[in-house]
Amino acid sequence: MNQILVVEDNKDMADLVAMHLRDMGAEVTVCTHGDDGLNKALAGKFDLIILDIMLPGTDGLQICKQLRAQSNYTPVLMLTAKSTELDRVLGLEIGADDYLTKPFSIRELIARVKAILRRVDAFASNAESSGEKILRIGEMEIDYERRTVKLNGEELGLTAKEFDLLWYFASQPGRVFSRMQLLDQVWGYGHEGYEHTVNSHINRLRAKIEQDPSKPHYILTVWGVGYKFTDQEKQVAG
C-alpha cells in the first residue's frame, strides 16, 4: 500500500484529494500547515508527497528545497494556483517531479499520481532485474540503492533529479536521448516546452562530474539530436 502525504491548506480540497487517493488503495496523511507538513515529510516514510506551493508557515517550494537538501528523494507533486512559467520551472528546478495548476480535475491528479509511482517503480525494477545496483564507469561509481555517486573516491553532492538523470544515462551507455525523451522518462509526461530544464540539469551535472565541463567526458552532446552517456566499458556490481 502506497503511503502518500498531502500538504494543502484548503481543507476541503485536501479531504477531496485524500478521499480519491484512498479509493485507489493508498494510505493518506493530510497536513494543512506548511510547518507541520515539513516535519511529517522529514520524519515519515512516504511514497509520494502532494504539496501545495502557497501554504501558511513554510511554503511548498521551501519544503521541497529542504527535503532535497536532506537527501530525501520522496517524489513530489506540486500543486499551485499560479500559472506562470517561472513558478512551474522553479518547482522543477528545485526537485519537484511534477506539477498541477489549480483548478485541476481529480482524474488528472490521479493520472499524475499513478504516473509518478509507475516511474519510481520502473527505475527500481529495472535496477533490480538487470542486477545493476552499482555502476562503475571509469573513475565514477554510482550506487542506486544508496543513491550516491563517487568520483575518484570522493562522494559528490547531487540533487534527486541530477541522480535520476545520471542513473538513466549511465545504465544505457551510448544510447542517444532527445530532450523530450529525457523529460518523459526522468520527469514524467506533461512538461512539453520545458526542454531547457533538461539543459540546465545537464549543465549542473557536468559541473559536478566532469573535469572540464566545456569538454565533457561522460555526458556527451549529440548535435541536433540530444545527449548520450559515454559508451566506454562499464563494470556492474550487484
Protein backbone atom coordinates (compact mmCIF):
# COMPACT_ATOMS: atom_id res chain seq x y z
CA MET A 1 0.00 0.00 0.00
CA ASN A 2 1.39 3.37 -1.04
CA GLN A 3 1.90 5.97 1.70
CA ILE A 4 1.01 9.48 0.46
CA LEU A 5 1.36 12.80 2.29
CA VAL A 6 -0.95 15.63 1.20
CA VAL A 7 0.09 19.14 2.29
CA GLU A 8 -2.73 21.53 1.32
CA ASP A 9 -4.12 24.40 3.40
CA ASN A 10 -7.59 24.25 1.82
CA LYS A 11 -9.14 21.55 4.00
CA ASP A 12 -11.99 20.80 1.59
CA MET A 13 -9.53 20.34 -1.26
CA ALA A 14 -7.21 18.25 0.92
CA ASP A 15 -10.07 16.00 2.05
CA LEU A 16 -11.30 15.56 -1.53
CA VAL A 17 -7.84 14.63 -2.78
CA ALA A 18 -7.32 12.27 0.17
CA MET A 19 -10.65 10.55 -0.45
CA HIS A 20 -9.80 9.76 -4.06
CA LEU A 21 -6.29 8.61 -3.17
CA ARG A 22 -7.75 6.25 -0.59
CA ASP A 23 -10.15 4.96 -3.24
CA MET A 24 -7.11 3.90 -5.27
CA GLY A 25 -5.81 1.99 -2.23
CA ALA A 26 -3.34 4.48 -0.77
CA GLU A 27 -2.88 5.33 2.90
CA VAL A 28 -3.06 9.12 3.17
CA THR A 29 -1.80 11.62 5.75
CA VAL A 30 -3.14 15.19 5.47
CA CYS A 31 -1.49 18.41 6.74
CA THR A 32 -2.93 21.90 6.32
CA HIS A 33 0.06 23.91 7.60
CA GLY A 34 3.47 24.15 5.98
CA ASP A 35 5.47 23.67 9.18
CA ASP A 36 3.52 20.53 10.09
CA GLY A 37 3.88 19.26 6.53
CA LEU A 38 7.64 19.76 6.57
CA ASN A 39 8.00 17.93 9.90
CA LYS A 40 5.92 14.99 8.71
CA ALA A 41 7.71 14.86 5.36
CA LEU A 42 11.12 14.74 7.06
CA ALA A 43 10.07 12.23 9.71
CA GLY A 44 7.87 9.88 7.72
CA LYS A 45 8.42 7.28 5.04
CA PHE A 46 6.20 8.27 2.14
CA ASP A 47 6.00 7.05 -1.44
CA LEU A 48 4.74 10.43 -2.67
CA ILE A 49 4.18 13.95 -1.33
CA ILE A 50 1.46 16.12 -2.86
CA LEU A 51 2.48 19.65 -1.98
CA ASP A 52 0.69 22.97 -2.41
CA ILE A 53 3.03 25.90 -3.07
CA MET A 54 1.05 28.55 -1.18
CA LEU A 55 0.93 27.43 2.47
CA PRO A 56 0.83 29.11 5.88
CA GLY A 57 4.20 28.81 7.57
CA THR A 58 6.81 27.12 5.38
CA ASP A 59 5.71 27.32 1.75
CA GLY A 60 5.77 24.41 -0.66
CA LEU A 61 8.90 25.48 -2.53
CA GLN A 62 10.83 25.75 0.73
CA ILE A 63 9.54 22.35 1.87
CA CYS A 64 10.69 20.76 -1.38
CA LYS A 65 14.06 22.52 -1.18
CA GLN A 66 14.62 21.37 2.41
CA LEU A 67 13.66 17.79 1.56
CA ARG A 68 16.17 17.68 -1.26
CA ALA A 69 18.84 19.31 0.90
CA GLN A 70 18.32 16.48 3.42
CA SER A 71 18.79 13.88 0.64
CA ASN A 72 15.11 12.99 0.90
CA TYR A 73 14.22 11.62 -2.53
CA THR A 74 10.48 11.11 -2.00
CA PRO A 75 8.69 12.09 -5.23
CA VAL A 76 6.91 15.46 -5.03
CA LEU A 77 3.84 16.53 -7.00
CA MET A 78 3.41 20.30 -6.71
CA LEU A 79 0.01 21.99 -6.64
CA THR A 80 -0.11 25.69 -7.45
CA ALA A 81 -2.71 28.35 -8.05
CA LYS A 82 -0.09 30.24 -10.03
CA SER A 83 0.14 29.59 -13.74
CA THR A 84 3.29 31.49 -14.66
CA GLU A 85 6.14 29.65 -16.32
CA LEU A 86 8.52 30.89 -13.61
CA ASP A 87 6.63 29.05 -10.86
CA ARG A 88 6.50 25.81 -12.84
CA VAL A 89 10.16 25.95 -13.82
CA LEU A 90 11.24 26.85 -10.28
CA GLY A 91 9.38 23.86 -8.88
CA LEU A 92 11.04 21.52 -11.37
CA GLU A 93 14.46 23.08 -10.84
CA ILE A 94 14.44 22.52 -7.07
CA GLY A 95 13.46 18.88 -7.41
CA ALA A 96 9.69 18.53 -7.85
CA ASP A 97 8.75 15.58 -10.03
CA ASP A 98 5.59 17.04 -11.50
CA TYR A 99 3.12 19.89 -11.00
CA LEU A 100 -0.57 20.66 -11.48
CA THR A 101 -2.03 24.15 -11.79
CA LYS A 102 -5.31 24.83 -9.98
CA PRO A 103 -8.08 24.34 -10.82
CA PHE A 104 -7.42 20.75 -11.89
CA SER A 105 -9.61 17.69 -12.32
CA ILE A 106 -9.34 14.85 -9.83
CA ARG A 107 -8.99 12.47 -12.77
CA GLU A 108 -5.90 14.39 -13.93
CA LEU A 109 -4.45 14.37 -10.40
CA ILE A 110 -4.90 10.60 -10.06
CA ALA A 111 -3.34 10.09 -13.50
CA ARG A 112 -0.29 12.13 -12.49
CA VAL A 113 -0.01 10.27 -9.16
CA LYS A 114 -0.12 6.90 -10.91
CA ALA A 115 2.44 8.04 -13.50
CA ILE A 116 4.90 9.16 -10.82
CA LEU A 117 4.53 5.93 -8.83
CA ARG A 118 4.93 3.84 -12.00
CA ARG A 119 8.07 5.73 -12.94
CA VAL A 120 9.61 5.23 -9.50
CA ASP A 121 8.74 1.52 -9.61
CA ALA A 122 10.17 1.23 -13.12
CA PHE A 123 13.51 2.76 -12.07
CA ALA A 124 13.72 0.36 -9.12
CA SER A 125 12.61 -2.73 -11.04
CA ASN A 126 15.00 -2.02 -13.91
CA ALA A 127 17.88 -1.84 -11.45
CA GLU A 128 16.65 -4.99 -9.70
CA SER A 129 16.03 -7.06 -12.84
CA SER A 130 19.29 -6.09 -14.52
CA GLY A 131 21.32 -6.56 -11.38
CA GLU A 132 22.77 -3.11 -11.98
CA LYS A 133 22.67 -1.67 -8.49
CA ILE A 134 26.19 -0.29 -8.64
CA LEU A 135 27.69 1.01 -11.87
CA ARG A 136 31.38 1.74 -12.31
CA ILE A 137 32.38 3.76 -15.34
CA GLY A 138 35.98 4.86 -15.40
CA GLU A 139 36.65 6.63 -12.09
CA MET A 140 32.93 7.00 -11.33
CA GLU A 141 30.86 4.76 -9.07
CA ILE A 142 27.05 5.09 -8.97
CA ASP A 143 25.21 3.23 -6.19
CA TYR A 144 21.48 3.04 -6.91
CA GLU A 145 20.31 1.78 -3.51
CA ARG A 146 22.31 4.34 -1.54
CA ARG A 147 21.76 6.96 -4.24
CA THR A 148 25.37 8.04 -4.01
CA VAL A 149 27.91 8.95 -6.67
CA LYS A 150 31.65 8.84 -6.12
CA LEU A 151 34.30 10.21 -8.43
CA ASN A 152 37.91 9.29 -7.74
CA GLY A 153 36.72 8.05 -4.34
CA GLU A 154 35.08 11.36 -3.40
CA GLU A 155 31.33 11.47 -2.90
CA LEU A 156 29.51 14.08 -4.98
CA GLY A 157 26.54 16.10 -3.79
CA LEU A 158 23.83 15.54 -6.40
CA THR A 159 20.21 16.59 -6.21
CA ALA A 160 17.47 13.96 -6.57
CA LYS A 161 16.84 14.79 -10.22
CA GLU A 162 20.55 15.02 -11.03
CA PHE A 163 20.97 11.50 -9.65
CA ASP A 164 17.95 10.17 -11.57
CA LEU A 165 19.23 11.75 -14.77
CA LEU A 166 22.76 10.39 -14.29
CA TRP A 167 21.48 6.89 -13.48
CA TYR A 168 19.20 6.89 -16.52
CA PHE A 169 22.11 7.89 -18.76
CA ALA A 170 24.72 5.61 -17.19
CA SER A 171 22.53 2.49 -17.23
CA GLN A 172 22.16 2.89 -21.02
CA PRO A 173 25.59 3.97 -22.26
CA GLY A 174 25.89 5.01 -25.87
CA ARG A 175 22.14 5.43 -26.37
CA VAL A 176 21.14 8.86 -27.67
CA PHE A 177 18.19 10.61 -26.00
CA SER A 178 16.36 13.72 -27.11
CA ARG A 179 15.49 16.34 -24.51
CA MET A 180 11.81 15.39 -24.82
CA GLN A 181 12.61 11.71 -24.17
CA LEU A 182 14.56 12.66 -21.06
CA LEU A 183 11.69 14.84 -19.83
CA ASP A 184 9.24 11.97 -20.33
CA GLN A 185 11.40 9.32 -18.67
CA VAL A 186 13.01 11.26 -15.81
CA TRP A 187 10.47 13.99 -15.07
CA GLY A 188 7.32 12.39 -16.45
CA TYR A 189 4.79 13.47 -19.02
CA GLY A 190 3.18 16.89 -19.12
CA HIS A 191 6.28 19.04 -19.45
CA GLU A 192 6.22 19.83 -23.15
CA GLY A 193 8.03 23.10 -23.74
CA TYR A 194 10.38 22.69 -20.76
CA GLU A 195 13.31 21.10 -22.57
CA HIS A 196 15.50 23.88 -21.13
CA THR A 197 15.00 22.18 -17.72
CA VAL A 198 16.96 19.21 -19.14
CA ASN A 199 19.67 21.55 -20.40
CA SER A 200 20.10 23.27 -17.04
CA HIS A 201 20.25 19.94 -15.16
CA ILE A 202 22.82 18.56 -17.59
CA ASN A 203 24.92 21.71 -17.24
CA ARG A 204 24.87 21.41 -13.43
CA LEU A 205 25.57 17.69 -13.61
CA ARG A 206 28.54 18.27 -15.89
CA ALA A 207 29.87 20.91 -13.49
CA LYS A 208 29.93 18.24 -10.77
CA ILE A 209 31.16 15.16 -12.63
CA GLU A 210 33.35 16.49 -15.46
CA GLN A 211 36.94 17.56 -15.03
CA ASP A 212 36.34 20.14 -17.75
CA PRO A 213 32.59 20.76 -18.31
CA SER A 214 33.35 22.50 -21.61
CA LYS A 215 34.94 19.24 -22.85
CA PRO A 216 32.70 16.58 -21.27
CA HIS A 217 33.93 13.03 -20.91
CA TYR A 218 30.80 11.35 -19.52
CA ILE A 219 27.69 13.17 -20.80
CA LEU A 220 28.16 13.93 -24.47
CA THR A 221 26.17 16.23 -26.74
CA VAL A 222 24.92 14.73 -29.99
CA TRP A 223 24.36 17.85 -32.07
CA GLY A 224 20.88 18.22 -33.50
CA VAL A 225 19.59 15.24 -31.52
CA GLY A 226 20.27 15.38 -27.78
CA TYR A 227 22.66 13.68 -25.38
CA LYS A 228 24.24 10.33 -24.66
CA PHE A 229 26.41 8.81 -21.95
CA THR A 230 29.88 7.66 -22.87
CA ASP A 231 29.95 4.07 -24.09
CA GLN A 232 33.33 3.30 -22.54
CA GLU A 233 33.42 -0.05 -20.78
CA LYS A 234 31.06 -0.29 -17.83
CA GLN A 235 31.54 -2.51 -14.80
CA VAL A 236 28.49 -3.72 -12.90
CA ALA A 237 28.32 -4.83 -9.28
CA GLY A 238 25.21 -6.36 -7.69
